[in-house]
Amino acid sequence: MQRNANTHYPILLVHGLFGFDRIGPFGLFHDVKQALRSAGARVFVPHLSATHSNEARGEQLLAQIKRVLDGTGANKVNLIGHSQGALAARYVAAVAPQSVASVTSVSGPNHGSELADFLRKALEPGRLPEQVAETVVTLFADFLSLLSGNPSLPQNAVAALNALTTEGVGKFNDKYPQGLPKTWGGKGREEVNGVRYYSWSGVLPDNPLDEGSNALNPLHGLMRALSRYFITEAGQNDGLVGRYSSHLGTIIRSDYPLDHLEVISQSTSLRPTTIDPIDLYVHHAERLKKAGL
């Protein structure tokens, strides 16, 4: 059956930390973008710094939204942000709500990441390990930007790390609280200043033995290894972001059996699953269309 995801406003897919639009034949959101376009949606992928603060990336996103609005004739956009991309989207919706119809957070660290907290403590400010890590990460981010055709974008690895800690996101939330739950694990307001807020995310399966051939996937193995550094949301995270930390606005679901990378592409998974992560985006676009967005 032909899907209809022809939303009233264009959709922008916003990448997170170390994200990009395309490197050679590989597009980060390729499967999602193609599925949405096949269903009739107008879809764009903005170019943001691979590493930087939420505000800096948000300003980059805002500038590109203006170009999309000029090019399409629309007066608003729907923002779907993965990981740190959700924070950039929230920033734009807070400072320019007249240009945003909706913000959807996909595995967004809306209350910070316990993994970022661990890394921040491990990399003591001003010490050699932090300086070495910053140099290596910045060089890697610059390399990604060069390959993706955006070598001029600024990179700041330490700013990115600080922006993703519980403390860093807490300060961000004090300034831009739109859509946040008032209680831990709750849901936030569905609409603030004319902007609709939604979120969904996943958790790692309880038993690694249930993962079948996906246990051999190095990316999934990395997510499971990183999940060990969670304390508050031990057993309730996707490897990088905790389940309840991801909550924003209307909670579509926060326990899909998907890790942090699987939520953006079916191709990253070797595990048979009844959940098609790409279909989640198409279904959500249909939801936005039904809501007049």
C-alpha atoms as a PDB file:
ATOM      1  CA  MET A   1       0.000   0.000   0.000  1.00  0.00           C
ATOM      2  CA  GLN A   2       1.295   3.441  -0.947  1.00  0.00           C
ATOM      3  CA  ARG A   3       2.281   5.480   2.128  1.00  0.00           C
ATOM      4  CA  ASN A   4       1.441   9.168   2.365  1.00  0.00           C
ATOM      5  CA  ALA A   5       3.930  11.176   4.424  1.00  0.00           C
ATOM      6  CA  ASN A   6       3.526  14.406   2.466  1.00  0.00           C
ATOM      7  CA  THR A   7       3.704  16.700   5.484  1.00  0.00           C
ATOM      8  CA  HIS A   8       2.551  20.290   5.227  1.00  0.00           C
ATOM      9  CA  TYR A   9       6.007  21.525   6.222  1.00  0.00           C
ATOM     10  CA  PRO A  10       9.405  20.190   5.054  1.00  0.00           C
ATOM     11  CA  ILE A  11      11.276  17.732   7.275  1.00  0.00           C
ATOM     12  CA  LEU A  12      14.885  18.281   8.362  1.00  0.00           C
ATOM     13  CA  LEU A  13      16.831  15.289   9.680  1.00  0.00           C
ATOM     14  CA  VAL A  14      19.386  16.636  12.166  1.00  0.00           C
ATOM     15  CA  HIS A  15      22.437  14.493  12.957  1.00  0.00           C
ATOM     16  CA  GLY A  16      24.172  14.271  16.303  1.00  0.00           C
ATOM     17  CA  LEU A  17      27.763  13.963  17.512  1.00  0.00           C
ATOM     18  CA  PHE A  18      30.168  12.841  14.750  1.00  0.00           C
ATOM     19  CA  GLY A  19      27.256  12.960  12.321  1.00  0.00           C
ATOM     20  CA  PHE A  20      27.273  13.979   8.670  1.00  0.00           C
ATOM     21  CA  ASP A  21      25.027  13.999   5.606  1.00  0.00           C
ATOM     22  CA  ARG A  22      27.088  11.937   3.168  1.00  0.00           C
ATOM     23  CA  ILE A  23      30.608  10.554   2.803  1.00  0.00           C
ATOM     24  CA  GLY A  24      31.053   9.105  -0.680  1.00  0.00           C
ATOM     25  CA  PRO A  25      28.202   6.655  -1.306  1.00  0.00           C
ATOM     26  CA  PHE A  26      27.319   6.405   2.397  1.00  0.00           C
ATOM     27  CA  GLY A  27      24.640   8.691   3.804  1.00  0.00           C
ATOM     28  CA  LEU A  28      23.980   8.688   7.540  1.00  0.00           C
ATOM     29  CA  PHE A  29      20.245   9.183   7.057  1.00  0.00           C
ATOM     30  CA  HIS A  30      20.153   7.564   3.597  1.00  0.00           C
ATOM     31  CA  ASP A  31      17.572   4.866   4.358  1.00  0.00           C
ATOM     32  CA  VAL A  32      15.390   7.244   6.367  1.00  0.00           C
ATOM     33  CA  LYS A  33      15.556  10.004   3.785  1.00  0.00           C
ATOM     34  CA  GLN A  34      14.766   7.678   0.890  1.00  0.00           C
ATOM     35  CA  ALA A  35      11.816   6.102   2.709  1.00  0.00           C
ATOM     36  CA  LEU A  36      10.356   9.497   3.588  1.00  0.00           C
ATOM     37  CA  ARG A  37      10.791  10.832   0.069  1.00  0.00           C
ATOM     38  CA  SER A  38       9.211   7.697  -1.390  1.00  0.00           C
ATOM     39  CA  ALA A  39       6.214   8.408   0.846  1.00  0.00           C
ATOM     40  CA  GLY A  40       5.935  11.958  -0.494  1.00  0.00           C
ATOM     41  CA  ALA A  41       7.790  14.025   2.096  1.00  0.00           C
ATOM     42  CA  ARG A  42      10.150  16.905   1.343  1.00  0.00           C
ATOM     43  CA  VAL A  43      13.320  16.006   3.250  1.00  0.00           C
ATOM     44  CA  PHE A  44      16.568  17.854   3.873  1.00  0.00           C
ATOM     45  CA  VAL A  45      19.699  16.977   5.870  1.00  0.00           C
ATOM     46  CA  PRO A  46      21.519  20.057   7.198  1.00  0.00           C
ATOM     47  CA  HIS A  47      25.308  20.192   7.611  1.00  0.00           C
ATOM     48  CA  LEU A  48      26.366  20.780  11.225  1.00  0.00           C
ATOM     49  CA  SER A  49      29.704  20.578  13.022  1.00  0.00           C
ATOM     50  CA  ALA A  50      30.521  16.989  13.959  1.00  0.00           C
ATOM     51  CA  THR A  51      31.641  18.234  17.382  1.00  0.00           C
ATOM     52  CA  HIS A  52      30.538  21.461  19.055  1.00  0.00           C
ATOM     53  CA  SER A  53      28.204  22.878  21.689  1.00  0.00           C
ATOM     54  CA  ASN A  54      24.430  22.595  21.419  1.00  0.00           C
ATOM     55  CA  GLU A  55      24.077  26.338  20.886  1.00  0.00           C
ATOM     56  CA  ALA A  56      26.762  26.513  18.188  1.00  0.00           C
ATOM     57  CA  ARG A  57      25.216  23.639  16.271  1.00  0.00           C
ATOM     58  CA  GLY A  58      21.789  25.170  16.848  1.00  0.00           C
ATOM     59  CA  GLU A  59      22.874  28.431  15.236  1.00  0.00           C
ATOM     60  CA  GLN A  60      24.211  26.501  12.243  1.00  0.00           C
ATOM     61  CA  LEU A  61      20.882  24.689  11.987  1.00  0.00           C
ATOM     62  CA  LEU A  62      18.941  27.945  12.209  1.00  0.00           C
ATOM     63  CA  ALA A  63      20.900  29.436   9.316  1.00  0.00           C
ATOM     64  CA  GLN A  64      20.167  26.409   7.147  1.00  0.00           C
ATOM     65  CA  ILE A  65      16.492  26.396   8.081  1.00  0.00           C
ATOM     66  CA  LYS A  66      16.253  29.905   6.696  1.00  0.00           C
ATOM     67  CA  ARG A  67      17.697  28.682   3.389  1.00  0.00           C
ATOM     68  CA  VAL A  68      15.211  25.787   3.274  1.00  0.00           C
ATOM     69  CA  LEU A  69      12.326  28.183   3.929  1.00  0.00           C
ATOM     70  CA  ASP A  70      13.530  30.523   1.192  1.00  0.00           C
ATOM     71  CA  GLY A  71      13.981  27.652  -1.247  1.00  0.00           C
ATOM     72  CA  THR A  72      10.669  25.899  -0.605  1.00  0.00           C
ATOM     73  CA  GLY A  73       8.413  28.845   0.144  1.00  0.00           C
ATOM     74  CA  ALA A  74       7.339  27.200   3.414  1.00  0.00           C
ATOM     75  CA  ASN A  75       7.142  29.258   6.586  1.00  0.00           C
ATOM     76  CA  LYS A  76       7.993  26.451   9.030  1.00  0.00           C
ATOM     77  CA  VAL A  77       9.857  23.135   9.183  1.00  0.00           C
ATOM     78  CA  ASN A  78       9.535  19.861  11.073  1.00  0.00           C
ATOM     79  CA  LEU A  79      12.778  18.999  12.879  1.00  0.00           C
ATOM     80  CA  ILE A  80      13.695  15.384  13.633  1.00  0.00           C
ATOM     81  CA  GLY A  81      16.937  15.237  15.588  1.00  0.00           C
ATOM     82  CA  HIS A  82      18.931  12.130  16.430  1.00  0.00           C
ATOM     83  CA  SER A  83      21.080  12.160  19.573  1.00  0.00           C
ATOM     84  CA  GLN A  84      22.709  15.606  20.031  1.00  0.00           C
ATOM     85  CA  GLY A  85      20.757  16.702  16.972  1.00  0.00           C
ATOM     86  CA  ALA A  86      17.685  16.768  19.202  1.00  0.00           C
ATOM     87  CA  LEU A  87      19.331  19.438  21.374  1.00  0.00           C
ATOM     88  CA  ALA A  88      20.177  21.578  18.340  1.00  0.00           C
ATOM     89  CA  ALA A  89      16.557  21.252  17.217  1.00  0.00           C
ATOM     90  CA  ARG A  90      15.295  22.216  20.670  1.00  0.00           C
ATOM     91  CA  TYR A  91      17.549  25.282  20.649  1.00  0.00           C
ATOM     92  CA  VAL A  92      16.126  26.488  17.337  1.00  0.00           C
ATOM     93  CA  ALA A  93      12.539  25.880  18.457  1.00  0.00           C
ATOM     94  CA  ALA A  94      13.187  27.899  21.609  1.00  0.00           C
ATOM     95  CA  VAL A  95      14.820  30.912  19.940  1.00  0.00           C
ATOM     96  CA  ALA A  96      12.821  30.904  16.684  1.00  0.00           C
ATOM     97  CA  PRO A  97       9.499  29.138  17.337  1.00  0.00           C
ATOM     98  CA  GLN A  98       7.896  30.994  14.434  1.00  0.00           C
ATOM     99  CA  SER A  99      10.029  28.897  12.046  1.00  0.00           C
ATOM    100  CA  VAL A 100       9.406  25.480  13.620  1.00  0.00           C
ATOM    101  CA  ALA A 101       6.233  23.390  13.415  1.00  0.00           C
ATOM    102  CA  SER A 102       7.521  20.431  15.424  1.00  0.00           C
ATOM    103  CA  VAL A 103      10.565  18.989  17.156  1.00  0.00           C
ATOM    104  CA  THR A 104      11.019  15.228  17.378  1.00  0.00           C
ATOM    105  CA  SER A 105      13.792  13.836  19.548  1.00  0.00           C
ATOM    106  CA  VAL A 106      15.095  10.404  18.522  1.00  0.00           C
ATOM    107  CA  SER A 107      17.315   8.997  21.281  1.00  0.00           C
ATOM    108  CA  GLY A 108      18.120  12.542  22.342  1.00  0.00           C
ATOM    109  CA  PRO A 109      20.051  13.102  25.608  1.00  0.00           C
ATOM    110  CA  ASN A 110      17.482  15.595  26.842  1.00  0.00           C
ATOM    111  CA  HIS A 111      18.689  15.226  30.432  1.00  0.00           C
ATOM    112  CA  GLY A 112      22.316  14.429  29.584  1.00  0.00           C
ATOM    113  CA  SER A 113      24.234  11.192  29.084  1.00  0.00           C
ATOM    114  CA  GLU A 114      25.774   9.166  31.889  1.00  0.00           C
ATOM    115  CA  LEU A 115      28.461   8.079  29.433  1.00  0.00           C
ATOM    116  CA  ALA A 116      29.407  11.735  28.871  1.00  0.00           C
ATOM    117  CA  ASP A 117      29.570  12.160  32.660  1.00  0.00           C
ATOM    118  CA  PHE A 118      32.002   9.230  32.894  1.00  0.00           C
ATOM    119  CA  LEU A 119      34.211  10.574  30.095  1.00  0.00           C
ATOM    120  CA  ARG A 120      34.207  14.057  31.611  1.00  0.00           C
ATOM    121  CA  LYS A 121      35.430  12.681  34.945  1.00  0.00           C
ATOM    122  CA  ALA A 122      38.037  10.528  33.225  1.00  0.00           C
ATOM    123  CA  LEU A 123      39.403  13.487  31.266  1.00  0.00           C
ATOM    124  CA  GLU A 124      40.379  15.909  34.008  1.00  0.00           C
ATOM    125  CA  PRO A 125      40.396  19.508  32.667  1.00  0.00           C
ATOM    126  CA  GLY A 126      43.837  20.925  31.944  1.00  0.00           C
ATOM    127  CA  ARG A 127      45.605  17.574  32.202  1.00  0.00           C
ATOM    128  CA  LEU A 128      47.460  15.895  29.349  1.00  0.00           C
ATOM    129  CA  PRO A 129      44.835  13.166  28.724  1.00  0.00           C
ATOM    130  CA  GLU A 130      42.172  15.785  28.003  1.00  0.00           C
ATOM    131  CA  GLN A 131      44.482  17.685  25.666  1.00  0.00           C
ATOM    132  CA  VAL A 132      45.421  14.513  23.794  1.00  0.00           C
ATOM    133  CA  ALA A 133      41.796  13.390  23.576  1.00  0.00           C
ATOM    134  CA  GLU A 134      40.705  16.823  22.359  1.00  0.00           C
ATOM    135  CA  THR A 135      43.378  16.816  19.649  1.00  0.00           C
ATOM    136  CA  VAL A 136      42.517  13.320  18.454  1.00  0.00           C
ATOM    137  CA  VAL A 137      38.756  13.874  18.472  1.00  0.00           C
ATOM    138  CA  THR A 138      39.029  17.267  16.770  1.00  0.00           C
ATOM    139  CA  LEU A 139      41.264  15.822  14.050  1.00  0.00           C
ATOM    140  CA  PHE A 140      38.739  13.003  13.545  1.00  0.00           C
ATOM    141  CA  ALA A 141      35.862  15.500  13.340  1.00  0.00           C
ATOM    142  CA  ASP A 142      37.817  17.633  10.864  1.00  0.00           C
ATOM    143  CA  PHE A 143      38.476  14.498   8.822  1.00  0.00           C
ATOM    144  CA  LEU A 144      34.755  13.681   8.741  1.00  0.00           C
ATOM    145  CA  SER A 145      33.945  17.243   7.693  1.00  0.00           C
ATOM    146  CA  LEU A 146      36.520  17.107   4.912  1.00  0.00           C
ATOM    147  CA  LEU A 147      35.174  13.797   3.586  1.00  0.00           C
ATOM    148  CA  SER A 148      31.596  15.067   3.724  1.00  0.00           C
ATOM    149  CA  GLY A 149      32.480  18.210   1.794  1.00  0.00           C
ATOM    150  CA  ASN A 150      32.203  20.670   4.695  1.00  0.00           C
ATOM    151  CA  PRO A 151      35.798  21.390   5.764  1.00  0.00           C
ATOM    152  CA  SER A 152      34.975  24.929   6.886  1.00  0.00           C
ATOM    153  CA  LEU A 153      32.729  23.904   9.763  1.00  0.00           C
ATOM    154  CA  PRO A 154      34.322  24.621  13.176  1.00  0.00           C
ATOM    155  CA  GLN A 155      34.966  21.740  15.582  1.00  0.00           C
ATOM    156  CA  ASN A 156      35.230  21.778  19.370  1.00  0.00           C
ATOM    157  CA  ALA A 157      35.432  18.357  20.999  1.00  0.00           C
ATOM    158  CA  VAL A 158      35.576  19.573  24.609  1.00  0.00           C
ATOM    159  CA  ALA A 159      32.576  21.849  24.082  1.00  0.00           C
ATOM    160  CA  ALA A 160      30.669  18.882  22.650  1.00  0.00           C
ATOM    161  CA  LEU A 161      31.534  16.659  25.617  1.00  0.00           C
ATOM    162  CA  ASN A 162      30.623  19.337  28.155  1.00  0.00           C
ATOM    163  CA  ALA A 163      27.348  19.956  26.311  1.00  0.00           C
ATOM    164  CA  LEU A 164      26.294  16.315  26.676  1.00  0.00           C
ATOM    165  CA  THR A 165      26.993  15.786  30.388  1.00  0.00           C
ATOM    166  CA  THR A 166      24.174  15.850  32.909  1.00  0.00           C
ATOM    167  CA  GLU A 167      25.466  19.177  34.195  1.00  0.00           C
ATOM    168  CA  GLY A 168      25.880  20.653  30.730  1.00  0.00           C
ATOM    169  CA  VAL A 169      22.430  19.631  29.540  1.00  0.00           C
ATOM    170  CA  GLY A 170      21.005  20.805  32.872  1.00  0.00           C
ATOM    171  CA  LYS A 171      22.286  24.328  32.189  1.00  0.00           C
ATOM    172  CA  PHE A 172      20.957  24.072  28.630  1.00  0.00           C
ATOM    173  CA  ASN A 173      17.559  22.995  29.968  1.00  0.00           C
ATOM    174  CA  ASP A 174      17.430  25.944  32.359  1.00  0.00           C
ATOM    175  CA  LYS A 175      17.543  28.220  29.311  1.00  0.00           C
ATOM    176  CA  TYR A 176      15.432  26.108  26.944  1.00  0.00           C
ATOM    177  CA  PRO A 177      12.938  23.996  28.947  1.00  0.00           C
ATOM    178  CA  GLN A 178      10.291  23.687  26.235  1.00  0.00           C
ATOM    179  CA  GLY A 179       8.753  20.216  26.087  1.00  0.00           C
ATOM    180  CA  LEU A 180      10.663  18.809  29.069  1.00  0.00           C
ATOM    181  CA  PRO A 181       8.889  16.596  31.633  1.00  0.00           C
ATOM    182  CA  LYS A 182       8.389  18.099  35.068  1.00  0.00           C
ATOM    183  CA  THR A 183       9.016  14.704  36.687  1.00  0.00           C
ATOM    184  CA  TRP A 184      11.717  12.120  35.934  1.00  0.00           C
ATOM    185  CA  GLY A 185      10.399   9.584  33.459  1.00  0.00           C
ATOM    186  CA  GLY A 186       7.278  11.613  32.731  1.00  0.00           C
ATOM    187  CA  LYS A 187       6.126  13.341  29.579  1.00  0.00           C
ATOM    188  CA  GLY A 188       6.398  17.018  28.737  1.00  0.00           C
ATOM    189  CA  ARG A 189       3.954  19.486  27.264  1.00  0.00           C
ATOM    190  CA  GLU A 190       2.844  18.481  23.802  1.00  0.00           C
ATOM    191  CA  GLU A 191       2.879  22.042  22.472  1.00  0.00           C
ATOM    192  CA  VAL A 192       4.832  25.115  23.531  1.00  0.00           C
ATOM    193  CA  ASN A 193       4.794  28.445  21.677  1.00  0.00           C
ATOM    194  CA  GLY A 194       3.070  26.787  18.733  1.00  0.00           C
ATOM    195  CA  VAL A 195       5.717  24.031  18.432  1.00  0.00           C
ATOM    196  CA  ARG A 196       4.724  20.364  18.881  1.00  0.00           C
ATOM    197  CA  TYR A 197       7.189  18.141  20.771  1.00  0.00           C
ATOM    198  CA  TYR A 198       7.611  14.378  20.350  1.00  0.00           C
ATOM    199  CA  SER A 199      10.210  11.759  21.252  1.00  0.00           C
ATOM    200  CA  TRP A 200      11.108   8.100  20.913  1.00  0.00           C
ATOM    201  CA  SER A 201      14.130   5.970  21.802  1.00  0.00           C
ATOM    202  CA  GLY A 202      15.289   2.417  22.449  1.00  0.00           C
ATOM    203  CA  VAL A 203      16.950   0.198  25.011  1.00  0.00           C
ATOM    204  CA  LEU A 204      19.362  -2.706  24.692  1.00  0.00           C
ATOM    205  CA  PRO A 205      17.723  -6.127  25.074  1.00  0.00           C
ATOM    206  CA  ASP A 206      18.060  -7.552  28.603  1.00  0.00           C
ATOM    207  CA  ASN A 207      19.706 -10.778  27.526  1.00  0.00           C
ATOM    208  CA  PRO A 208      22.607 -10.590  25.034  1.00  0.00           C
ATOM    209  CA  LEU A 209      21.899 -14.233  24.145  1.00  0.00           C
ATOM    210  CA  ASP A 210      18.614 -13.135  22.566  1.00  0.00           C
ATOM    211  CA  GLU A 211      20.447 -11.028  19.982  1.00  0.00           C
ATOM    212  CA  GLY A 212      21.413 -13.862  17.682  1.00  0.00           C
ATOM    213  CA  SER A 213      23.819 -12.843  14.910  1.00  0.00           C
ATOM    214  CA  ASN A 214      23.621  -9.213  16.008  1.00  0.00           C
ATOM    215  CA  ALA A 215      25.999 -10.142  18.827  1.00  0.00           C
ATOM    216  CA  LEU A 216      28.654 -10.319  16.089  1.00  0.00           C
ATOM    217  CA  ASN A 217      27.954  -6.755  14.934  1.00  0.00           C
ATOM    218  CA  PRO A 218      30.927  -4.636  16.153  1.00  0.00           C
ATOM    219  CA  LEU A 219      28.831  -1.463  16.343  1.00  0.00           C
ATOM    220  CA  HIS A 220      26.195  -3.152  18.464  1.00  0.00           C
ATOM    221  CA  GLY A 221      28.954  -4.706  20.568  1.00  0.00           C
ATOM    222  CA  LEU A 222      30.341  -1.224  21.166  1.00  0.00           C
ATOM    223  CA  MET A 223      26.922   0.029  22.305  1.00  0.00           C
ATOM    224  CA  ARG A 224      26.596  -2.876  24.751  1.00  0.00           C
ATOM    225  CA  ALA A 225      30.115  -2.265  26.091  1.00  0.00           C
ATOM    226  CA  LEU A 226      29.416   1.434  26.640  1.00  0.00           C
ATOM    227  CA  SER A 227      26.126   0.666  28.390  1.00  0.00           C
ATOM    228  CA  ARG A 228      28.122  -0.712  31.332  1.00  0.00           C
ATOM    229  CA  TYR A 229      29.021   2.825  32.368  1.00  0.00           C
ATOM    230  CA  PHE A 230      25.404   3.692  33.173  1.00  0.00           C
ATOM    231  CA  ILE A 231      24.384   3.708  36.838  1.00  0.00           C
ATOM    232  CA  THR A 232      21.104   5.589  37.191  1.00  0.00           C
ATOM    233  CA  GLU A 233      19.710   3.987  34.039  1.00  0.00           C
ATOM    234  CA  ALA A 234      21.585   0.687  34.125  1.00  0.00           C
ATOM    235  CA  GLY A 235      19.691  -1.758  31.932  1.00  0.00           C
ATOM    236  CA  GLN A 236      17.535   1.067  30.623  1.00  0.00           C
ATOM    237  CA  ASN A 237      19.695   2.655  27.941  1.00  0.00           C
ATOM    238  CA  ASP A 238      20.669   2.251  24.287  1.00  0.00           C
ATOM    239  CA  GLY A 239      24.411   2.360  24.867  1.00  0.00           C
ATOM    240  CA  LEU A 240      24.761   6.143  24.759  1.00  0.00           C
ATOM    241  CA  VAL A 241      21.515   7.607  26.118  1.00  0.00           C
ATOM    242  CA  GLY A 242      19.273   6.539  28.992  1.00  0.00           C
ATOM    243  CA  ARG A 243      15.625   5.730  28.362  1.00  0.00           C
ATOM    244  CA  TYR A 244      14.141   8.342  30.679  1.00  0.00           C
ATOM    245  CA  SER A 245      16.761  10.923  29.825  1.00  0.00           C
ATOM    246  CA  SER A 246      15.390  10.822  26.275  1.00  0.00           C
ATOM    247  CA  HIS A 247      11.851  11.874  27.226  1.00  0.00           C
ATOM    248  CA  LEU A 248      10.486  15.024  25.603  1.00  0.00           C
ATOM    249  CA  GLY A 249       6.951  16.162  24.855  1.00  0.00           C
ATOM    250  CA  THR A 250       4.676  13.354  23.693  1.00  0.00           C
ATOM    251  CA  ILE A 251       6.453  10.048  24.350  1.00  0.00           C
ATOM    252  CA  ILE A 252       5.771   7.787  21.389  1.00  0.00           C
ATOM    253  CA  ARG A 253       7.789   5.002  23.019  1.00  0.00           C
ATOM    254  CA  SER A 254      11.105   4.884  24.857  1.00  0.00           C
ATOM    255  CA  ASP A 255      11.856   1.169  24.992  1.00  0.00           C
ATOM    256  CA  TYR A 256      12.070   0.010  21.388  1.00  0.00           C
ATOM    257  CA  PRO A 257      14.493  -2.967  21.218  1.00  0.00           C
ATOM    258  CA  LEU A 258      17.043  -0.864  19.311  1.00  0.00           C
ATOM    259  CA  ASP A 259      20.450   0.515  20.222  1.00  0.00           C
ATOM    260  CA  HIS A 260      21.570   4.100  19.660  1.00  0.00           C
ATOM    261  CA  LEU A 261      22.685   3.500  16.074  1.00  0.00           C
ATOM    262  CA  GLU A 262      19.948   1.088  15.056  1.00  0.00           C
ATOM    263  CA  VAL A 263      17.311   3.810  15.488  1.00  0.00           C
ATOM    264  CA  ILE A 264      18.589   5.593  12.376  1.00  0.00           C
ATOM    265  CA  SER A 265      19.166   2.653  10.042  1.00  0.00           C
ATOM    266  CA  GLN A 266      17.989  -0.912   9.682  1.00  0.00           C
ATOM    267  CA  SER A 267      21.259  -1.725   7.892  1.00  0.00           C
ATOM    268  CA  THR A 268      23.276  -1.404  11.126  1.00  0.00           C
ATOM    269  CA  SER A 269      21.492  -4.382  12.648  1.00  0.00           C
ATOM    270  CA  LEU A 270      22.104  -8.092  12.069  1.00  0.00           C
ATOM    271  CA  ARG A 271      19.320  -9.054  14.470  1.00  0.00           C
ATOM    272  CA  PRO A 272      15.888 -10.006  13.131  1.00  0.00           C
ATOM    273  CA  THR A 273      13.363  -7.691  14.761  1.00  0.00           C
ATOM    274  CA  THR A 274       9.705  -6.914  14.458  1.00  0.00           C
ATOM    275  CA  ILE A 275      10.613  -3.230  14.727  1.00  0.00           C
ATOM    276  CA  ASP A 276      11.665  -1.565  11.488  1.00  0.00           C
ATOM    277  CA  PRO A 277      13.422   1.654  12.597  1.00  0.00           C
ATOM    278  CA  ILE A 278      12.981   3.225   9.160  1.00  0.00           C
ATOM    279  CA  ASP A 279       9.236   2.661   9.297  1.00  0.00           C
ATOM    280  CA  LEU A 280       9.145   4.583  12.589  1.00  0.00           C
ATOM    281  CA  TYR A 281      10.096   7.740  10.679  1.00  0.00           C
ATOM    282  CA  VAL A 282       7.556   7.194   7.905  1.00  0.00           C
ATOM    283  CA  HIS A 283       4.821   6.482  10.430  1.00  0.00           C
ATOM    284  CA  HIS A 284       5.809   9.593  12.353  1.00  0.00           C
ATOM    285  CA  ALA A 285       5.671  11.710   9.200  1.00  0.00           C
ATOM    286  CA  GLU A 286       2.161  10.374   8.674  1.00  0.00           C
ATOM    287  CA  ARG A 287       1.430  11.409  12.252  1.00  0.00           C
ATOM    288  CA  LEU A 288       2.726  14.908  11.546  1.00  0.00           C
ATOM    289  CA  LYS A 289       0.657  15.101   8.371  1.00  0.00           C
ATOM    290  CA  LYS A 290      -2.483  14.080  10.245  1.00  0.00           C
ATOM    291  CA  ALA A 291      -1.785  16.825  12.793  1.00  0.00           C
ATOM    292  CA  GLY A 292      -1.578  19.376   9.988  1.00  0.00           C
ATOM    293  CA  LEU A 293       2.169  19.749  10.349  1.00  0.00           C
END
